[in-house]
Amino acid sequence: MRNTKEVMPILTAIFCLNRVGTKDKQIDLICDYAFRRLFGANTNLLTIACIEQTREAMEKQAIKLLEKETAYKKYLEDYKK
């Protein structure tokens, strides 16, 4: 697998965006499973970080994380072409 260092920030963004607004239980379970299996960690701290967050605030934080830790910004630029 290429760019495995991007897995954690991508999963973090997915997990946190799913936690605000309408929560999909299946996505929640899959993300939790991935964190446990891939990183030996659970999602408790992420869950706490999502408390009282609005969808808009969480989207901004997720995009900032993805831009910092992944090539997501370049992907978006290429995708829009």
PDB file of N, CA and C in Angstrom:
ATOM      1  N   MET A   1       0.844  -1.175   0.000  1.00  0.00           N
ATOM      2  CA  MET A   1       0.000   0.000   0.000  1.00  0.00           C
ATOM      3  C   MET A   1       0.893   1.243   0.000  1.00  0.00           C
ATOM      4  N   ARG A   2       0.571   2.182  -0.813  1.00  0.00           N
ATOM      5  CA  ARG A   2       1.327   3.426  -0.876  1.00  0.00           C
ATOM      6  C   ARG A   2       0.757   4.450   0.101  1.00  0.00           C
ATOM      7  N   ASN A   3       1.616   5.327   0.539  1.00  0.00           N
ATOM      8  CA  ASN A   3       1.213   6.452   1.396  1.00  0.00           C
ATOM      9  C   ASN A   3       0.444   6.017   2.650  1.00  0.00           C
ATOM     10  N   THR A   4       0.947   5.000   3.292  1.00  0.00           N
ATOM     11  CA  THR A   4       0.270   4.505   4.489  1.00  0.00           C
ATOM     12  C   THR A   4       0.269   5.525   5.625  1.00  0.00           C
ATOM     13  N   LYS A   5       1.168   6.489   5.573  1.00  0.00           N
ATOM     14  CA  LYS A   5       1.194   7.515   6.618  1.00  0.00           C
ATOM     15  C   LYS A   5      -0.063   8.387   6.577  1.00  0.00           C
ATOM     16  N   GLU A   6      -0.793   8.332   5.465  1.00  0.00           N
ATOM     17  CA  GLU A   6      -2.011   9.126   5.325  1.00  0.00           C
ATOM     18  C   GLU A   6      -3.247   8.431   5.895  1.00  0.00           C
ATOM     19  N   VAL A   7      -3.129   7.169   6.243  1.00  0.00           N
ATOM     20  CA  VAL A   7      -4.300   6.411   6.696  1.00  0.00           C
ATOM     21  C   VAL A   7      -4.907   7.011   7.967  1.00  0.00           C
ATOM     22  N   MET A   8      -4.088   7.317   8.957  1.00  0.00           N
ATOM     23  CA  MET A   8      -4.631   7.824  10.220  1.00  0.00           C
ATOM     24  C   MET A   8      -5.351   9.164  10.045  1.00  0.00           C
ATOM     25  N   PRO A   9      -4.767  10.149   9.369  1.00  0.00           N
ATOM     26  CA  PRO A   9      -5.514  11.403   9.220  1.00  0.00           C
ATOM     27  C   PRO A   9      -6.802  11.242   8.395  1.00  0.00           C
ATOM     28  N   ILE A  10      -6.781  10.369   7.401  1.00  0.00           N
ATOM     29  CA  ILE A  10      -7.991  10.144   6.607  1.00  0.00           C
ATOM     30  C   ILE A  10      -9.077   9.503   7.469  1.00  0.00           C
ATOM     31  N   LEU A  11      -8.723   8.476   8.214  1.00  0.00           N
ATOM     32  CA  LEU A  11      -9.699   7.835   9.102  1.00  0.00           C
ATOM     33  C   LEU A  11     -10.194   8.800  10.173  1.00  0.00           C
ATOM     34  N   THR A  12      -9.298   9.630  10.674  1.00  0.00           N
ATOM     35  CA  THR A  12      -9.686  10.613  11.686  1.00  0.00           C
ATOM     36  C   THR A  12     -10.727  11.570  11.128  1.00  0.00           C
ATOM     37  N   ALA A  13     -10.491  12.065   9.922  1.00  0.00           N
ATOM     38  CA  ALA A  13     -11.441  12.983   9.293  1.00  0.00           C
ATOM     39  C   ALA A  13     -12.793  12.308   9.080  1.00  0.00           C
ATOM     40  N   ILE A  14     -12.782  11.089   8.570  1.00  0.00           N
ATOM     41  CA  ILE A  14     -14.031  10.362   8.344  1.00  0.00           C
ATOM     42  C   ILE A  14     -14.768  10.141   9.658  1.00  0.00           C
ATOM     43  N   PHE A  15     -14.051   9.679  10.663  1.00  0.00           N
ATOM     44  CA  PHE A  15     -14.667   9.401  11.962  1.00  0.00           C
ATOM     45  C   PHE A  15     -15.299  10.661  12.543  1.00  0.00           C
ATOM     46  N   CYS A  16     -14.539  11.743  12.572  1.00  0.00           N
ATOM     47  CA  CYS A  16     -15.030  12.985  13.193  1.00  0.00           C
ATOM     48  C   CYS A  16     -16.192  13.596  12.412  1.00  0.00           C
ATOM     49  N   LEU A  17     -16.126  13.581  11.098  1.00  0.00           N
ATOM     50  CA  LEU A  17     -17.238  14.113  10.313  1.00  0.00           C
ATOM     51  C   LEU A  17     -18.497  13.274  10.512  1.00  0.00           C
ATOM     52  N   ASN A  18     -18.325  11.998  10.692  1.00  0.00           N
ATOM     53  CA  ASN A  18     -19.470  11.128  10.934  1.00  0.00           C
ATOM     54  C   ASN A  18     -20.073  11.369  12.319  1.00  0.00           C
ATOM     55  N   ARG A  19     -19.287  11.848  13.263  1.00  0.00           N
ATOM     56  CA  ARG A  19     -19.757  12.033  14.640  1.00  0.00           C
ATOM     57  C   ARG A  19     -20.620  13.276  14.821  1.00  0.00           C
ATOM     58  N   VAL A  20     -20.515  14.232  13.935  1.00  0.00           N
ATOM     59  CA  VAL A  20     -21.332  15.440  14.058  1.00  0.00           C
ATOM     60  C   VAL A  20     -22.518  15.322  13.102  1.00  0.00           C
ATOM     61  N   GLY A  21     -23.643  15.820  13.524  1.00  0.00           N
ATOM     62  CA  GLY A  21     -24.844  15.683  12.700  1.00  0.00           C
ATOM     63  C   GLY A  21     -25.387  14.269  12.798  1.00  0.00           C
ATOM     64  N   THR A  22     -25.828  13.746  11.691  1.00  0.00           N
ATOM     65  CA  THR A  22     -26.383  12.402  11.644  1.00  0.00           C
ATOM     66  C   THR A  22     -25.258  11.385  11.650  1.00  0.00           C
ATOM     67  N   LYS A  23     -25.246  10.541  12.661  1.00  0.00           N
ATOM     68  CA  LYS A  23     -24.176   9.558  12.841  1.00  0.00           C
ATOM     69  C   LYS A  23     -24.588   8.228  12.216  1.00  0.00           C
ATOM     70  N   ASP A  24     -23.729   7.698  11.362  1.00  0.00           N
ATOM     71  CA  ASP A  24     -23.955   6.385  10.764  1.00  0.00           C
ATOM     72  C   ASP A  24     -23.235   5.352  11.621  1.00  0.00           C
ATOM     73  N   LYS A  25     -23.984   4.476  12.248  1.00  0.00           N
ATOM     74  CA  LYS A  25     -23.417   3.498  13.178  1.00  0.00           C
ATOM     75  C   LYS A  25     -22.414   2.575  12.491  1.00  0.00           C
ATOM     76  N   GLN A  26     -22.679   2.181  11.248  1.00  0.00           N
ATOM     77  CA  GLN A  26     -21.784   1.283  10.523  1.00  0.00           C
ATOM     78  C   GLN A  26     -20.439   1.955  10.258  1.00  0.00           C
ATOM     79  N   ILE A  27     -20.438   3.210   9.832  1.00  0.00           N
ATOM     80  CA  ILE A  27     -19.191   3.947   9.611  1.00  0.00           C
ATOM     81  C   ILE A  27     -18.433   4.078  10.921  1.00  0.00           C
ATOM     82  N   ASP A  28     -19.162   4.360  11.997  1.00  0.00           N
ATOM     83  CA  ASP A  28     -18.560   4.478  13.322  1.00  0.00           C
ATOM     84  C   ASP A  28     -17.847   3.179  13.711  1.00  0.00           C
ATOM     85  N   LEU A  29     -18.509   2.051  13.535  1.00  0.00           N
ATOM     86  CA  LEU A  29     -17.915   0.759  13.890  1.00  0.00           C
ATOM     87  C   LEU A  29     -16.708   0.411  13.018  1.00  0.00           C
ATOM     88  N   ILE A  30     -16.818   0.682  11.727  1.00  0.00           N
ATOM     89  CA  ILE A  30     -15.702   0.386  10.822  1.00  0.00           C
ATOM     90  C   ILE A  30     -14.488   1.235  11.168  1.00  0.00           C
ATOM     91  N   CYS A  31     -14.696   2.519  11.431  1.00  0.00           N
ATOM     92  CA  CYS A  31     -13.578   3.394  11.813  1.00  0.00           C
ATOM     93  C   CYS A  31     -12.956   2.944  13.124  1.00  0.00           C
ATOM     94  N   ASP A  32     -13.784   2.619  14.106  1.00  0.00           N
ATOM     95  CA  ASP A  32     -13.265   2.162  15.389  1.00  0.00           C
ATOM     96  C   ASP A  32     -12.456   0.879  15.198  1.00  0.00           C
ATOM     97  N   TYR A  33     -12.977  -0.046  14.415  1.00  0.00           N
ATOM     98  CA  TYR A  33     -12.258  -1.287  14.130  1.00  0.00           C
ATOM     99  C   TYR A  33     -10.914  -0.995  13.472  1.00  0.00           C
ATOM    100  N   ALA A  34     -10.902  -0.085  12.493  1.00  0.00           N
ATOM    101  CA  ALA A  34      -9.656   0.249  11.792  1.00  0.00           C
ATOM    102  C   ALA A  34      -8.628   0.844  12.752  1.00  0.00           C
ATOM    103  N   PHE A  35      -9.054   1.754  13.614  1.00  0.00           N
ATOM    104  CA  PHE A  35      -8.122   2.337  14.580  1.00  0.00           C
ATOM    105  C   PHE A  35      -7.550   1.268  15.506  1.00  0.00           C
ATOM    106  N   ARG A  36      -8.388   0.366  15.936  1.00  0.00           N
ATOM    107  CA  ARG A  36      -7.928  -0.699  16.839  1.00  0.00           C
ATOM    108  C   ARG A  36      -6.984  -1.668  16.131  1.00  0.00           C
ATOM    109  N   ARG A  37      -7.331  -2.096  14.933  1.00  0.00           N
ATOM    110  CA  ARG A  37      -6.524  -3.087  14.208  1.00  0.00           C
ATOM    111  C   ARG A  37      -5.249  -2.496  13.624  1.00  0.00           C
ATOM    112  N   LEU A  38      -5.343  -1.312  13.037  1.00  0.00           N
ATOM    113  CA  LEU A  38      -4.188  -0.727  12.356  1.00  0.00           C
ATOM    114  C   LEU A  38      -3.221  -0.021  13.294  1.00  0.00           C
ATOM    115  N   PHE A  39      -3.760   0.621  14.326  1.00  0.00           N
ATOM    116  CA  PHE A  39      -2.922   1.468  15.168  1.00  0.00           C
ATOM    117  C   PHE A  39      -2.885   1.046  16.633  1.00  0.00           C
ATOM    118  N   GLY A  40      -3.647   0.036  16.995  1.00  0.00           N
ATOM    119  CA  GLY A  40      -3.693  -0.389  18.388  1.00  0.00           C
ATOM    120  C   GLY A  40      -4.251   0.690  19.295  1.00  0.00           C
ATOM    121  N   ALA A  41      -5.153   1.491  18.768  1.00  0.00           N
ATOM    122  CA  ALA A  41      -5.719   2.613  19.519  1.00  0.00           C
ATOM    123  C   ALA A  41      -7.242   2.560  19.424  1.00  0.00           C
ATOM    124  N   ASN A  42      -7.890   3.273  20.333  1.00  0.00           N
ATOM    125  CA  ASN A  42      -9.341   3.365  20.228  1.00  0.00           C
ATOM    126  C   ASN A  42      -9.732   4.796  19.871  1.00  0.00           C
ATOM    127  N   THR A  43     -11.005   5.023  19.726  1.00  0.00           N
ATOM    128  CA  THR A  43     -11.482   6.329  19.267  1.00  0.00           C
ATOM    129  C   THR A  43     -12.054   7.186  20.395  1.00  0.00           C
ATOM    130  N   ASN A  44     -11.762   6.846  21.629  1.00  0.00           N
ATOM    131  CA  ASN A  44     -12.331   7.579  22.759  1.00  0.00           C
ATOM    132  C   ASN A  44     -11.959   9.062  22.750  1.00  0.00           C
ATOM    133  N   LEU A  45     -10.694   9.372  22.534  1.00  0.00           N
ATOM    134  CA  LEU A  45     -10.283  10.787  22.524  1.00  0.00           C
ATOM    135  C   LEU A  45     -10.886  11.542  21.343  1.00  0.00           C
ATOM    136  N   LEU A  46     -10.988  10.880  20.207  1.00  0.00           N
ATOM    137  CA  LEU A  46     -11.628  11.526  19.058  1.00  0.00           C
ATOM    138  C   LEU A  46     -13.096  11.806  19.354  1.00  0.00           C
ATOM    139  N   THR A  47     -13.746  10.869  20.004  1.00  0.00           N
ATOM    140  CA  THR A  47     -15.151  11.054  20.365  1.00  0.00           C
ATOM    141  C   THR A  47     -15.307  12.271  21.269  1.00  0.00           C
ATOM    142  N   ILE A  48     -14.439  12.392  22.236  1.00  0.00           N
ATOM    143  CA  ILE A  48     -14.485  13.547  23.145  1.00  0.00           C
ATOM    144  C   ILE A  48     -14.240  14.851  22.386  1.00  0.00           C
ATOM    145  N   ALA A  49     -13.310  14.828  21.437  1.00  0.00           N
ATOM    146  CA  ALA A  49     -13.003  16.036  20.660  1.00  0.00           C
ATOM    147  C   ALA A  49     -14.182  16.475  19.794  1.00  0.00           C
ATOM    148  N   CYS A  50     -15.079  15.575  19.494  1.00  0.00           N
ATOM    149  CA  CYS A  50     -16.221  15.894  18.633  1.00  0.00           C
ATOM    150  C   CYS A  50     -17.419  16.450  19.392  1.00  0.00           C
ATOM    151  N   ILE A  51     -17.397  16.350  20.722  1.00  0.00           N
ATOM    152  CA  ILE A  51     -18.522  16.821  21.523  1.00  0.00           C
ATOM    153  C   ILE A  51     -18.685  18.331  21.335  1.00  0.00           C
ATOM    154  N   GLU A  52     -19.935  18.738  21.155  1.00  0.00           N
ATOM    155  CA  GLU A  52     -20.304  20.161  21.026  1.00  0.00           C
ATOM    156  C   GLU A  52     -19.777  20.818  19.747  1.00  0.00           C
ATOM    157  N   GLN A  53     -19.290  20.044  18.799  1.00  0.00           N
ATOM    158  CA  GLN A  53     -18.797  20.601  17.534  1.00  0.00           C
ATOM    159  C   GLN A  53     -19.945  20.715  16.533  1.00  0.00           C
ATOM    160  N   THR A  54     -19.934  21.777  15.758  1.00  0.00           N
ATOM    161  CA  THR A  54     -20.892  21.900  14.665  1.00  0.00           C
ATOM    162  C   THR A  54     -20.310  21.224  13.433  1.00  0.00           C
ATOM    163  N   ARG A  55     -21.159  20.933  12.494  1.00  0.00           N
ATOM    164  CA  ARG A  55     -20.705  20.301  11.250  1.00  0.00           C
ATOM    165  C   ARG A  55     -19.693  21.211  10.543  1.00  0.00           C
ATOM    166  N   GLU A  56     -19.979  22.487  10.478  1.00  0.00           N
ATOM    167  CA  GLU A  56     -19.106  23.436   9.788  1.00  0.00           C
ATOM    168  C   GLU A  56     -17.735  23.515  10.447  1.00  0.00           C
ATOM    169  N   ALA A  57     -17.707  23.580  11.766  1.00  0.00           N
ATOM    170  CA  ALA A  57     -16.439  23.642  12.494  1.00  0.00           C
ATOM    171  C   ALA A  57     -15.640  22.361  12.291  1.00  0.00           C
ATOM    172  N   MET A  58     -16.319  21.227  12.317  1.00  0.00           N
ATOM    173  CA  MET A  58     -15.627  19.955  12.132  1.00  0.00           C
ATOM    174  C   MET A  58     -15.089  19.822  10.710  1.00  0.00           C
ATOM    175  N   GLU A  59     -15.852  20.292   9.729  1.00  0.00           N
ATOM    176  CA  GLU A  59     -15.371  20.250   8.342  1.00  0.00           C
ATOM    177  C   GLU A  59     -14.096  21.069   8.186  1.00  0.00           C
ATOM    178  N   LYS A  60     -14.060  22.252   8.782  1.00  0.00           N
ATOM    179  CA  LYS A  60     -12.862  23.094   8.708  1.00  0.00           C
ATOM    180  C   LYS A  60     -11.669  22.397   9.339  1.00  0.00           C
ATOM    181  N   GLN A  61     -11.874  21.785  10.486  1.00  0.00           N
ATOM    182  CA  GLN A  61     -10.786  21.084  11.169  1.00  0.00           C
ATOM    183  C   GLN A  61     -10.324  19.862  10.374  1.00  0.00           C
ATOM    184  N   ALA A  62     -11.268  19.144   9.794  1.00  0.00           N
ATOM    185  CA  ALA A  62     -10.923  17.956   9.006  1.00  0.00           C
ATOM    186  C   ALA A  62     -10.123  18.351   7.759  1.00  0.00           C
ATOM    187  N   ILE A  63     -10.558  19.401   7.082  1.00  0.00           N
ATOM    188  CA  ILE A  63      -9.842  19.857   5.889  1.00  0.00           C
ATOM    189  C   ILE A  63      -8.442  20.323   6.261  1.00  0.00           C
ATOM    190  N   LYS A  64      -8.321  21.056   7.358  1.00  0.00           N
ATOM    191  CA  LYS A  64      -7.011  21.520   7.812  1.00  0.00           C
ATOM    192  C   LYS A  64      -6.086  20.334   8.100  1.00  0.00           C
ATOM    193  N   LEU A  65      -6.613  19.313   8.779  1.00  0.00           N
ATOM    194  CA  LEU A  65      -5.836  18.104   9.066  1.00  0.00           C
ATOM    195  C   LEU A  65      -5.409  17.416   7.772  1.00  0.00           C
ATOM    196  N   LEU A  66      -6.348  17.250   6.855  1.00  0.00           N
ATOM    197  CA  LEU A  66      -6.028  16.573   5.597  1.00  0.00           C
ATOM    198  C   LEU A  66      -5.012  17.352   4.766  1.00  0.00           C
ATOM    199  N   GLU A  67      -5.133  18.672   4.743  1.00  0.00           N
ATOM    200  CA  GLU A  67      -4.172  19.486   3.997  1.00  0.00           C
ATOM    201  C   GLU A  67      -2.777  19.404   4.600  1.00  0.00           C
ATOM    202  N   LYS A  68      -2.712  19.310   5.916  1.00  0.00           N
ATOM    203  CA  LYS A  68      -1.418  19.250   6.607  1.00  0.00           C
ATOM    204  C   LYS A  68      -0.762  17.876   6.493  1.00  0.00           C
ATOM    205  N   GLU A  69      -1.544  16.815   6.621  1.00  0.00           N
ATOM    206  CA  GLU A  69      -0.987  15.472   6.745  1.00  0.00           C
ATOM    207  C   GLU A  69      -1.075  14.601   5.488  1.00  0.00           C
ATOM    208  N   THR A  70      -1.804  15.070   4.467  1.00  0.00           N
ATOM    209  CA  THR A  70      -1.995  14.248   3.271  1.00  0.00           C
ATOM    210  C   THR A  70      -1.845  15.093   2.007  1.00  0.00           C
ATOM    211  N   ALA A  71      -2.040  14.461   0.872  1.00  0.00           N
ATOM    212  CA  ALA A  71      -2.010  15.158  -0.415  1.00  0.00           C
ATOM    213  C   ALA A  71      -3.426  15.479  -0.886  1.00  0.00           C
ATOM    214  N   TYR A  72      -4.339  15.628   0.050  1.00  0.00           N
ATOM    215  CA  TYR A  72      -5.742  15.873  -0.271  1.00  0.00           C
ATOM    216  C   TYR A  72      -5.945  17.178  -1.045  1.00  0.00           C
ATOM    217  N   LYS A  73      -5.227  18.216  -0.681  1.00  0.00           N
ATOM    218  CA  LYS A  73      -5.367  19.511  -1.366  1.00  0.00           C
ATOM    219  C   LYS A  73      -4.982  19.375  -2.836  1.00  0.00           C
ATOM    220  N   LYS A  74      -3.887  18.686  -3.101  1.00  0.00           N
ATOM    221  CA  LYS A  74      -3.464  18.467  -4.490  1.00  0.00           C
ATOM    222  C   LYS A  74      -4.502  17.637  -5.232  1.00  0.00           C
ATOM    223  N   TYR A  75      -5.045  16.637  -4.550  1.00  0.00           N
ATOM    224  CA  TYR A  75      -6.096  15.808  -5.145  1.00  0.00           C
ATOM    225  C   TYR A  75      -7.276  16.681  -5.571  1.00  0.00           C
ATOM    226  N   LEU A  76      -7.716  17.571  -4.687  1.00  0.00           N
ATOM    227  CA  LEU A  76      -8.835  18.439  -5.007  1.00  0.00           C
ATOM    228  C   LEU A  76      -8.528  19.345  -6.198  1.00  0.00           C
ATOM    229  N   GLU A  77      -7.310  19.867  -6.234  1.00  0.00           N
ATOM    230  CA  GLU A  77      -6.907  20.726  -7.337  1.00  0.00           C
ATOM    231  C   GLU A  77      -6.929  19.954  -8.655  1.00  0.00           C
ATOM    232  N   ASP A  78      -6.405  18.739  -8.641  1.00  0.00           N
ATOM    233  CA  ASP A  78      -6.380  17.898  -9.844  1.00  0.00           C
ATOM    234  C   ASP A  78      -7.795  17.455 -10.227  1.00  0.00           C
ATOM    235  N   TYR A  79      -8.622  17.168  -9.233  1.00  0.00           N
ATOM    236  CA  TYR A  79      -9.970  16.689  -9.470  1.00  0.00           C
ATOM    237  C   TYR A  79     -10.831  17.753 -10.133  1.00  0.00           C
ATOM    238  N   LYS A  80     -10.604  19.005  -9.794  1.00  0.00           N
ATOM    239  CA  LYS A  80     -11.405  20.109 -10.329  1.00  0.00           C
ATOM    240  C   LYS A  80     -11.038  20.471 -11.757  1.00  0.00           C
ATOM    241  N   LYS A  81      -9.936  19.966 -12.252  1.00  0.00           N
ATOM    242  CA  LYS A  81      -9.489  20.301 -13.614  1.00  0.00           C
ATOM    243  C   LYS A  81     -10.357  19.652 -14.646  1.00  0.00           C
TER     244      LYS A  81
END
